[in-house]
Amino acid sequence: MSAASIQAKYKKMLAKAAVIAGSADSEKVYLVKAVTVGGDPFGGGATTVTDVLLVNAIFKSYDARLFGGTMLASDRALACNGDVPLVQGDTIKQGLAIYTVEAIDIKAPASEVLAYILMLRTK
């Protein structure tokens, strides 16, 4: 089985879970990308903010005891497919809630990113 076929199966599984667990009026989950053009090292320039949809992103439960006391009550875990590259420090938005990516677990068994498991903290 190739990495691409595993990736396709994982995307299909996430889509199915989103249909089962979500509803038509559920808030979508977005990666907030901010790009600053121009200016100098001390500031200035024009910043453009773009929301990138994280398709089939699903918030999941976790056991805070497994994280050695580093988790806060408002922290959340998010699973999403590997279509959109994510890194620690990124901003995630769902409705009016805004989160910062505190930790990221990249699931890539054959160098093809299948999924990201993100630990999010309220901003």
Protein backbone atom coordinates (compact mmCIF):
# COMPACT_ATOMS: atom_id res chain seq x y z
CA MET A 1 0.00 0.00 0.00
CA SER A 2 1.49 3.35 -1.05
CA ALA A 3 1.73 6.43 1.16
CA ALA A 4 -0.71 8.23 -1.16
CA SER A 5 -3.37 5.51 -0.75
CA ILE A 6 -2.93 5.53 3.04
CA GLN A 7 -3.26 9.32 2.98
CA ALA A 8 -6.44 9.09 0.91
CA LYS A 9 -7.93 6.52 3.32
CA TYR A 10 -7.10 8.73 6.31
CA LYS A 11 -8.75 11.77 4.66
CA LYS A 12 -11.83 9.67 3.93
CA MET A 13 -11.93 8.48 7.56
CA LEU A 14 -11.67 12.07 8.88
CA ALA A 15 -14.43 13.20 6.51
CA LYS A 16 -16.67 10.39 7.70
CA ALA A 17 -15.99 11.26 11.36
CA ALA A 18 -16.76 14.94 10.67
CA VAL A 19 -20.12 13.98 9.15
CA ILE A 20 -20.99 11.71 12.07
CA ALA A 21 -19.83 14.04 14.86
CA GLY A 22 -20.59 17.43 13.34
CA SER A 23 -23.66 19.22 12.11
CA ALA A 24 -24.44 21.43 9.13
CA ASP A 25 -24.22 24.57 11.24
CA SER A 26 -20.95 23.66 13.04
CA GLU A 27 -18.31 26.39 12.98
CA LYS A 28 -15.50 25.70 10.50
CA VAL A 29 -11.87 25.57 11.68
CA TYR A 30 -9.33 27.85 9.99
CA LEU A 31 -5.59 28.46 10.00
CA VAL A 32 -4.99 32.22 10.20
CA LYS A 33 -2.08 33.20 7.95
CA ALA A 34 -0.62 36.68 8.35
CA VAL A 35 1.93 37.91 5.80
CA THR A 36 3.73 41.25 6.15
CA VAL A 37 5.11 42.83 2.98
CA GLY A 38 7.50 45.77 2.95
CA GLY A 39 8.67 47.72 5.93
CA ASP A 40 11.99 47.33 7.69
CA PRO A 41 13.35 45.10 10.48
CA PHE A 42 11.83 47.44 13.08
CA GLY A 43 8.24 47.25 11.77
CA GLY A 44 6.01 48.86 9.22
CA GLY A 45 4.80 47.32 6.02
CA ALA A 46 1.39 46.03 5.09
CA THR A 47 -0.01 42.90 6.74
CA THR A 48 -2.47 40.69 4.91
CA VAL A 49 -4.47 38.15 6.93
CA THR A 50 -5.95 35.11 5.19
CA ASP A 51 -8.08 32.32 6.66
CA VAL A 52 -7.22 28.86 5.28
CA LEU A 53 -9.93 26.22 5.85
CA LEU A 54 -8.72 23.09 7.64
CA VAL A 55 -10.93 20.54 5.91
CA ASN A 56 -12.39 17.87 8.22
CA ALA A 57 -10.59 19.20 11.30
CA ILE A 58 -11.99 17.57 14.43
CA PHE A 59 -11.51 18.58 18.05
CA LYS A 60 -10.74 15.50 20.14
CA SER A 61 -10.62 14.69 23.82
CA TYR A 62 -7.43 14.01 25.76
CA ASP A 63 -6.36 12.98 29.22
CA ALA A 64 -4.55 15.96 30.80
CA ARG A 65 -2.75 13.61 33.23
CA LEU A 66 -0.72 12.27 30.32
CA PHE A 67 0.91 15.65 29.73
CA GLY A 68 2.65 16.09 33.08
CA GLY A 69 0.65 19.09 34.26
CA THR A 70 1.49 21.26 31.24
CA MET A 71 -2.10 21.40 30.01
CA LEU A 72 -4.56 24.10 31.04
CA ALA A 73 -8.32 23.64 31.43
CA SER A 74 -9.00 25.68 28.28
CA ASP A 75 -6.52 23.75 26.09
CA ARG A 76 -7.92 21.66 23.24
CA ALA A 77 -6.65 18.94 20.93
CA LEU A 78 -7.33 19.10 17.19
CA ALA A 79 -6.86 16.40 14.56
CA CYS A 80 -6.68 17.39 10.89
CA ASN A 81 -5.38 15.95 7.66
CA GLY A 82 -2.00 16.94 6.21
CA ASP A 83 -3.27 19.10 3.33
CA VAL A 84 -2.29 22.40 4.99
CA PRO A 85 1.21 22.55 6.54
CA LEU A 86 1.07 23.56 10.21
CA VAL A 87 3.82 24.60 12.63
CA GLN A 88 4.10 25.46 16.31
CA GLY A 89 3.00 29.05 16.93
CA ASP A 90 0.36 29.10 14.17
CA THR A 91 -3.01 30.68 14.93
CA ILE A 92 -6.18 28.56 14.62
CA LYS A 93 -9.69 30.04 14.60
CA GLN A 94 -13.12 28.50 15.09
CA GLY A 95 -15.94 31.03 15.19
CA LEU A 96 -14.96 33.64 17.78
CA ALA A 97 -12.45 31.35 19.53
CA ILE A 98 -8.79 31.91 18.66
CA TYR A 99 -6.05 29.44 19.61
CA THR A 100 -2.27 29.21 19.35
CA VAL A 101 -0.61 25.92 18.38
CA GLU A 102 1.43 24.98 21.48
CA ALA A 103 2.58 21.55 20.34
CA ILE A 104 2.24 19.50 17.20
CA ASP A 105 2.44 15.77 16.57
CA ILE A 106 3.05 15.06 12.89
CA LYS A 107 1.83 11.65 11.76
CA ALA A 108 4.05 10.84 8.76
CA PRO A 109 5.05 7.17 8.75
CA ALA A 110 6.45 7.23 5.20
CA SER A 111 7.47 10.91 4.87
CA GLU A 112 3.98 11.75 3.59
CA VAL A 113 2.08 13.73 6.21
CA LEU A 114 -1.12 11.87 7.00
CA ALA A 115 -2.30 14.02 9.87
CA TYR A 116 -1.48 16.65 12.43
CA ILE A 117 -2.52 16.32 16.07
CA LEU A 118 -2.37 19.81 17.55
CA MET A 119 -2.44 20.95 21.17
CA LEU A 120 -4.12 24.36 21.16
CA ARG A 121 -4.16 27.08 23.81
CA THR A 122 -6.72 29.89 23.96
CA LYS A 123 -5.18 33.19 22.88
